[in-house]
Amino acid sequence: MGQNGNNPLKQVQSETRSSSLDHLVRRYSRALTSFFQRRVSNQDDVPDLVQDVFLRLSRLEEVPELDRKSTRLNSSHHWLS
């Protein structure tokens, strides 16, 4: 039965979350890769850094909103820390 047991709502939530994360990976992997390639000296670390971003996103209960004016996240703490 998996981790959601017999609860169909939990299963739908899990599937929706997984689908959303898949969408983010497809949409932003290339941009994150480019970002890290320009900022780290050891290019072998780039795939691990990109993967770490998505792993951290997958563990968040909710994704903080982006303040478009300042391009800072509206959060009491940095979401990648």
Protein backbone atom coordinates (compact mmCIF):
# COMPACT_ATOMS: atom_id res chain seq x y z
CA MET A 1 0.00 0.00 0.00
CA GLY A 2 2.99 2.35 0.33
CA GLN A 3 3.53 5.05 2.89
CA ASN A 4 0.03 6.54 2.45
CA GLY A 5 -1.83 3.34 3.36
CA ASN A 6 -5.52 3.44 2.56
CA ASN A 7 -5.89 7.22 2.69
CA PRO A 8 -6.74 8.38 -0.86
CA LEU A 9 -6.35 12.07 0.05
CA LYS A 10 -2.78 11.50 1.27
CA GLN A 11 -2.04 9.58 -1.92
CA VAL A 12 -3.36 12.40 -4.13
CA GLN A 13 -1.40 14.98 -2.11
CA SER A 14 1.76 12.90 -2.45
CA GLU A 15 1.26 12.45 -6.19
CA THR A 16 0.53 16.16 -6.66
CA ARG A 17 3.64 17.11 -4.69
CA SER A 18 5.75 14.68 -6.70
CA SER A 19 4.35 15.99 -9.97
CA SER A 20 5.02 19.59 -8.88
CA LEU A 21 8.59 18.76 -7.96
CA ASP A 22 9.10 16.98 -11.29
CA HIS A 23 7.85 20.13 -13.02
CA LEU A 24 10.31 22.30 -11.06
CA VAL A 25 13.20 19.96 -11.88
CA ARG A 26 12.39 20.03 -15.61
CA ARG A 27 11.91 23.80 -15.61
CA TYR A 28 14.85 24.94 -13.48
CA SER A 29 17.61 22.29 -13.69
CA ARG A 30 19.31 23.96 -16.62
CA ALA A 31 19.22 27.43 -15.03
CA LEU A 32 20.51 26.13 -11.69
CA THR A 33 23.27 24.22 -13.44
CA SER A 34 24.34 27.36 -15.27
CA PHE A 35 24.16 29.38 -12.04
CA PHE A 36 26.41 26.97 -10.15
CA GLN A 37 28.82 26.53 -13.07
CA ARG A 38 29.56 30.25 -12.91
CA ARG A 39 30.03 30.29 -9.15
CA VAL A 40 31.99 27.21 -8.11
CA SER A 41 35.55 26.35 -8.96
CA ASN A 42 35.11 22.57 -8.91
CA GLN A 43 32.71 21.81 -11.77
CA ASP A 44 32.35 18.21 -10.55
CA ASP A 45 30.33 19.63 -7.64
CA VAL A 46 27.69 21.23 -9.87
CA PRO A 47 25.35 18.21 -10.28
CA ASP A 48 25.45 17.58 -6.53
CA LEU A 49 24.61 21.21 -5.78
CA VAL A 50 21.67 21.19 -8.19
CA GLN A 51 20.40 17.94 -6.72
CA ASP A 52 20.74 19.35 -3.20
CA VAL A 53 18.52 22.32 -4.09
CA PHE A 54 15.74 20.01 -5.25
CA LEU A 55 16.15 17.67 -2.28
CA ARG A 56 15.78 20.61 0.07
CA LEU A 57 12.73 21.82 -1.83
CA SER A 58 11.17 18.37 -1.60
CA ARG A 59 11.53 18.45 2.20
CA LEU A 60 9.78 21.79 2.66
CA GLU A 61 6.26 21.74 4.04
CA GLU A 62 5.46 24.86 2.03
CA VAL A 63 7.47 26.87 -0.46
CA PRO A 64 8.12 30.48 0.63
CA GLU A 65 6.89 33.24 -1.64
CA LEU A 66 9.32 35.32 -3.63
CA ASP A 67 9.24 39.06 -3.09
CA ARG A 68 9.50 40.15 -6.72
CA LYS A 69 10.58 43.72 -5.88
CA SER A 70 13.62 42.76 -3.86
CA THR A 71 14.07 39.20 -5.23
CA ARG A 72 14.38 38.02 -1.63
CA LEU A 73 12.38 35.22 -0.14
CA ASN A 74 9.69 36.14 2.36
CA SER A 75 10.76 33.81 5.11
CA SER A 76 12.06 34.06 8.65
CA HIS A 77 15.04 31.95 7.61
CA HIS A 78 16.78 31.17 4.37
CA TRP A 79 15.02 28.21 2.78
CA LEU A 80 18.25 26.58 1.64
CA SER A 81 19.97 26.70 5.02
